[in-house]
Amino acid sequence: MIVESFFGLSREPFSIAPDPRFLYPSEQHREALELLNYGLARGASFVLLTGEIGAGKTTLWRTFLEQLPSNVDVASVVNPKLGVDALIARVFEDLHVELPAADGPVDMIDALHGHLLLAHAQGRRTLIVIDEAQALSHEVLEQLRLLTNLDSSGRKLQVLLIGQPELRGMLASPELEPLAQRIVVRAHLGALTEAQTAAYVEHRLRVAGLQGALPFDGEALGLVHRFSGGVPRRVNVLCDRAL
């Protein structure tokens, strides 16, 4: 906390850990957040959020989750290399779904369908969020599409796919065309402009408690943008080291 104390800050301003408190409301971030909310309200089977590495996808979707209505149950999958059965088991775990007692194998899809029907009758909705979705196998993506067949209205089950730009290329492949057609909302985060980079740096410092003048002058901020390419995570690393 030596750096924070020296600059009169209450918290670390340039941590690379995702923190919704520090979400910089650039035009593209505001638009992406609005699109995610629209997709949820619209009942879209699939919503897609892509962005460059370090562009702020995780911070954005965590902000989105904090703003969800209280009647939305969320299952988060952060290990996209899971197989179909393991992924569904992870969803069951997050949703606290208890499998029915049976002498033989349990039909997990049927059990999930039963849970969705019960939740819907109680006025609840279910959202599955998958981060780093570009690492999902085609088999898992197809199973997710089949899961959404359980609810044609999108009022019981929706899926948010989050990934790097190559995810868009994957979804353009012919074998995934049925799933791609279900993606009603697509949002993408790119790099920040030089002006946005400067505003981003000031925003994080103000959120961290800075009261006075910025410790970076115009030339320094120009160099931060030049060496970071406007990628927020790189900006954080450079500014943290500079402080």
Protein backbone atom coordinates (compact mmCIF):
# COMPACT_ATOMS: atom_id res chain seq x y z
CA MET A 1 0.00 0.00 0.00
CA ILE A 2 3.06 2.31 -0.14
CA VAL A 3 2.15 3.56 -3.63
CA GLU A 4 -1.51 4.10 -2.70
CA SER A 5 -0.52 5.99 0.46
CA PHE A 6 1.93 8.22 -1.43
CA PHE A 7 -0.73 9.30 -3.95
CA GLY A 8 -3.53 9.51 -1.37
CA LEU A 9 -5.46 6.58 -2.80
CA SER A 10 -7.85 4.32 -0.91
CA ARG A 11 -7.29 1.26 -3.08
CA GLU A 12 -5.03 -0.10 -5.81
CA PRO A 13 -6.00 1.71 -9.06
CA PHE A 14 -4.42 -0.52 -11.68
CA SER A 15 -4.95 -4.08 -10.52
CA ILE A 16 -5.47 -6.49 -13.42
CA ALA A 17 -8.08 -8.39 -11.37
CA PRO A 18 -11.58 -7.78 -12.83
CA ASP A 19 -13.50 -5.36 -10.61
CA PRO A 20 -16.87 -3.91 -11.67
CA ARG A 21 -16.20 -0.81 -9.56
CA PHE A 22 -13.53 0.20 -12.07
CA LEU A 23 -15.52 -0.40 -15.27
CA TYR A 24 -14.69 2.49 -17.59
CA PRO A 25 -17.91 3.64 -19.28
CA SER A 26 -16.55 4.19 -22.78
CA GLU A 27 -19.06 4.32 -25.60
CA GLN A 28 -18.29 0.75 -26.66
CA HIS A 29 -18.51 -0.55 -23.09
CA ARG A 30 -21.84 1.19 -22.49
CA GLU A 31 -23.18 -0.13 -25.78
CA ALA A 32 -22.02 -3.68 -25.00
CA LEU A 33 -23.65 -3.57 -21.57
CA GLU A 34 -26.88 -2.26 -23.10
CA LEU A 35 -26.80 -5.06 -25.67
CA LEU A 36 -26.36 -7.72 -22.98
CA ASN A 37 -29.30 -6.32 -21.05
CA TYR A 38 -31.35 -6.12 -24.25
CA GLY A 39 -30.54 -9.75 -25.06
CA LEU A 40 -31.71 -10.85 -21.63
CA ALA A 41 -34.93 -8.84 -21.85
CA ARG A 42 -35.53 -9.97 -25.43
CA GLY A 43 -35.37 -13.63 -24.43
CA ALA A 44 -32.47 -14.36 -26.80
CA SER A 45 -31.40 -18.02 -26.69
CA PHE A 46 -27.77 -16.99 -27.12
CA VAL A 47 -25.96 -13.72 -26.46
CA LEU A 48 -22.36 -13.27 -27.63
CA LEU A 49 -19.68 -11.04 -26.09
CA THR A 50 -16.26 -11.04 -27.73
CA GLY A 51 -13.17 -8.89 -27.37
CA GLU A 52 -9.42 -8.76 -27.63
CA ILE A 53 -7.36 -10.28 -24.81
CA GLY A 54 -7.37 -7.79 -21.94
CA ALA A 55 -10.14 -5.62 -23.42
CA GLY A 56 -12.28 -5.85 -20.29
CA LYS A 57 -14.74 -8.64 -21.14
CA THR A 58 -14.67 -10.21 -17.69
CA THR A 59 -15.14 -6.88 -15.92
CA LEU A 60 -18.05 -6.09 -18.22
CA TRP A 61 -19.90 -9.36 -17.77
CA ARG A 62 -19.40 -9.27 -14.01
CA THR A 63 -20.94 -5.80 -14.04
CA PHE A 64 -23.78 -7.25 -16.10
CA LEU A 65 -24.30 -10.02 -13.56
CA GLU A 66 -24.47 -7.50 -10.71
CA GLN A 67 -27.28 -5.71 -12.54
CA LEU A 68 -29.38 -8.81 -13.25
CA PRO A 69 -32.92 -8.93 -11.87
CA SER A 70 -33.25 -10.89 -8.65
CA ASN A 71 -35.30 -13.61 -10.37
CA VAL A 72 -32.42 -14.74 -12.63
CA ASP A 73 -30.43 -17.81 -11.56
CA VAL A 74 -26.89 -17.93 -12.97
CA ALA A 75 -24.64 -20.91 -13.69
CA SER A 76 -21.06 -19.85 -14.49
CA VAL A 77 -18.66 -22.09 -16.40
CA VAL A 78 -15.06 -20.89 -16.28
CA ASN A 79 -13.43 -24.10 -17.54
CA PRO A 80 -14.48 -24.32 -21.19
CA LYS A 81 -12.49 -27.52 -21.80
CA LEU A 82 -15.10 -29.57 -19.97
CA GLY A 83 -16.86 -32.34 -21.83
CA VAL A 84 -20.62 -32.36 -22.27
CA ASP A 85 -21.40 -34.37 -19.13
CA ALA A 86 -18.98 -32.40 -16.94
CA LEU A 87 -20.35 -29.09 -18.22
CA ILE A 88 -23.94 -30.08 -17.47
CA ALA A 89 -22.86 -31.34 -14.04
CA ARG A 90 -21.25 -27.93 -13.41
CA VAL A 91 -24.48 -26.20 -14.40
CA PHE A 92 -26.44 -28.48 -12.04
CA GLU A 93 -24.03 -27.64 -9.22
CA ASP A 94 -24.42 -23.88 -9.65
CA LEU A 95 -28.19 -24.11 -9.95
CA HIS A 96 -28.41 -26.43 -6.92
CA VAL A 97 -30.35 -28.99 -8.95
CA GLU A 98 -30.83 -32.28 -7.15
CA LEU A 99 -30.95 -35.31 -9.39
CA PRO A 100 -33.90 -37.60 -8.79
CA ALA A 101 -33.21 -40.92 -7.12
CA ALA A 102 -33.07 -43.74 -9.67
CA ASP A 103 -31.88 -47.31 -9.92
CA GLY A 104 -30.24 -46.74 -13.30
CA PRO A 105 -28.58 -43.86 -15.15
CA VAL A 106 -30.31 -40.48 -14.77
CA ASP A 107 -31.28 -38.51 -17.88
CA MET A 108 -29.60 -35.21 -16.96
CA ILE A 109 -31.21 -33.31 -19.84
CA ASP A 110 -34.64 -34.42 -18.70
CA ALA A 111 -33.75 -33.48 -15.12
CA LEU A 112 -32.64 -30.02 -16.28
CA HIS A 113 -35.85 -29.60 -18.26
CA GLY A 114 -37.84 -30.44 -15.16
CA HIS A 115 -35.88 -27.88 -13.15
CA LEU A 116 -36.44 -25.17 -15.77
CA LEU A 117 -40.18 -25.83 -15.81
CA LEU A 118 -40.36 -25.63 -12.02
CA ALA A 119 -38.22 -22.49 -11.88
CA HIS A 120 -40.35 -20.84 -14.59
CA ALA A 121 -43.52 -21.66 -12.64
CA GLN A 122 -41.94 -19.84 -9.69
CA GLY A 123 -41.21 -16.79 -11.84
CA ARG A 124 -37.50 -17.51 -12.19
CA ARG A 125 -35.21 -17.57 -15.24
CA THR A 126 -31.89 -19.34 -15.83
CA LEU A 127 -28.75 -17.95 -17.45
CA ILE A 128 -25.69 -20.05 -18.29
CA VAL A 129 -22.51 -17.94 -18.63
CA ILE A 130 -19.45 -19.47 -20.30
CA ASP A 131 -16.16 -17.58 -20.26
CA GLU A 132 -13.33 -18.27 -22.73
CA ALA A 133 -15.92 -19.93 -24.94
CA GLN A 134 -13.52 -20.07 -27.90
CA ALA A 135 -12.06 -23.16 -26.17
CA LEU A 136 -15.37 -25.05 -26.26
CA SER A 137 -15.54 -28.10 -28.49
CA HIS A 138 -18.09 -28.22 -31.30
CA GLU A 139 -19.75 -31.10 -29.45
CA VAL A 140 -20.32 -28.95 -26.35
CA LEU A 141 -21.56 -25.99 -28.42
CA GLU A 142 -24.04 -28.26 -30.17
CA GLN A 143 -25.23 -29.61 -26.83
CA LEU A 144 -25.79 -26.05 -25.61
CA ARG A 145 -27.91 -25.43 -28.69
CA LEU A 146 -29.92 -28.53 -27.95
CA LEU A 147 -30.40 -27.37 -24.36
CA THR A 148 -31.99 -24.16 -25.60
CA ASN A 149 -34.45 -26.32 -27.54
CA LEU A 150 -35.99 -27.00 -24.14
CA ASP A 151 -37.28 -23.42 -24.20
CA SER A 152 -38.31 -21.86 -27.50
CA SER A 153 -39.32 -18.58 -25.82
CA GLY A 154 -35.99 -17.85 -24.12
CA ARG A 155 -37.90 -17.14 -20.91
CA LYS A 156 -36.60 -20.18 -19.08
CA LEU A 157 -33.03 -20.68 -20.34
CA GLN A 158 -30.49 -18.38 -21.99
CA VAL A 159 -26.77 -18.74 -22.71
CA LEU A 160 -24.11 -15.99 -22.65
CA LEU A 161 -20.96 -16.92 -24.58
CA ILE A 162 -17.85 -14.84 -23.84
CA GLY A 163 -14.65 -15.24 -25.78
CA GLN A 164 -11.78 -13.93 -27.83
CA PRO A 165 -12.23 -12.78 -31.46
CA GLU A 166 -11.60 -16.27 -32.84
CA LEU A 167 -14.93 -17.33 -31.33
CA ARG A 168 -16.66 -15.33 -34.05
CA GLY A 169 -14.71 -17.30 -36.66
CA MET A 170 -15.69 -20.59 -35.03
CA LEU A 171 -19.36 -19.64 -35.10
CA ALA A 172 -19.08 -18.82 -38.80
CA SER A 173 -18.24 -22.44 -39.61
CA PRO A 174 -20.97 -24.36 -41.49
CA GLU A 175 -21.36 -27.02 -38.80
CA LEU A 176 -22.22 -24.38 -36.20
CA GLU A 177 -24.65 -22.49 -38.42
CA PRO A 178 -27.73 -23.73 -36.47
CA LEU A 179 -26.26 -22.25 -33.27
CA ALA A 180 -25.08 -19.03 -34.96
CA GLN A 181 -28.62 -18.36 -36.16
CA ARG A 182 -29.78 -18.39 -32.52
CA ILE A 183 -27.41 -15.59 -31.51
CA VAL A 184 -29.72 -12.60 -31.43
CA VAL A 185 -27.28 -10.17 -29.80
CA ARG A 186 -23.56 -9.76 -30.51
CA ALA A 187 -21.26 -7.29 -28.74
CA HIS A 188 -17.53 -6.77 -29.27
CA LEU A 189 -14.90 -4.86 -27.26
CA GLY A 190 -11.90 -3.44 -29.09
CA ALA A 191 -8.91 -1.36 -28.02
CA LEU A 192 -9.28 2.17 -26.63
CA THR A 193 -8.36 5.27 -28.61
CA GLU A 194 -5.65 7.60 -27.28
CA ALA A 195 -8.26 9.96 -25.82
CA GLN A 196 -10.14 7.02 -24.28
CA THR A 197 -6.91 5.66 -22.81
CA ALA A 198 -6.25 8.96 -21.06
CA ALA A 199 -9.83 9.06 -19.77
CA TYR A 200 -9.54 5.41 -18.66
CA VAL A 201 -6.42 6.15 -16.61
CA GLU A 202 -8.06 9.15 -14.94
CA HIS A 203 -11.25 7.16 -14.29
CA ARG A 204 -9.41 4.40 -12.46
CA LEU A 205 -7.41 6.86 -10.38
CA ARG A 206 -10.54 8.79 -9.39
CA VAL A 207 -12.36 5.57 -8.44
CA ALA A 208 -9.31 4.65 -6.36
CA GLY A 209 -9.67 7.93 -4.46
CA LEU A 210 -7.39 10.42 -6.23
CA GLN A 211 -8.44 13.97 -5.31
CA GLY A 212 -5.80 16.17 -6.90
CA ALA A 213 -4.01 16.41 -10.23
CA LEU A 214 -3.16 13.30 -12.22
CA PRO A 215 0.34 11.91 -11.68
CA PHE A 216 0.57 11.44 -15.49
CA ASP A 217 1.00 14.40 -17.84
CA GLY A 218 -0.18 14.46 -21.45
CA GLU A 219 3.09 13.14 -22.84
CA ALA A 220 3.12 10.24 -20.38
CA LEU A 221 -0.46 9.33 -21.25
CA GLY A 222 0.43 9.38 -24.94
CA LEU A 223 3.26 6.94 -24.26
CA VAL A 224 0.95 4.70 -22.23
CA HIS A 225 -1.39 4.46 -25.21
CA ARG A 226 1.47 3.92 -27.64
CA PHE A 227 3.03 1.06 -25.71
CA SER A 228 -0.25 -0.54 -24.59
CA GLY A 229 -2.03 -0.28 -27.92
CA GLY A 230 -5.07 0.90 -25.96
CA VAL A 231 -5.66 -2.54 -24.40
CA PRO A 232 -6.94 -1.93 -20.84
CA ARG A 233 -5.02 -4.76 -19.18
CA ARG A 234 -1.77 -3.54 -20.71
CA VAL A 235 -2.62 0.01 -19.63
CA ASN A 236 -3.06 -1.27 -16.08
CA VAL A 237 0.31 -3.01 -16.08
CA LEU A 238 2.15 0.03 -17.49
CA CYS A 239 0.50 2.52 -15.16
CA ASP A 240 1.04 0.33 -12.12
CA ARG A 241 4.74 0.06 -12.87
CA ALA A 242 4.95 3.78 -13.63
CA LEU A 243 3.43 4.71 -10.28
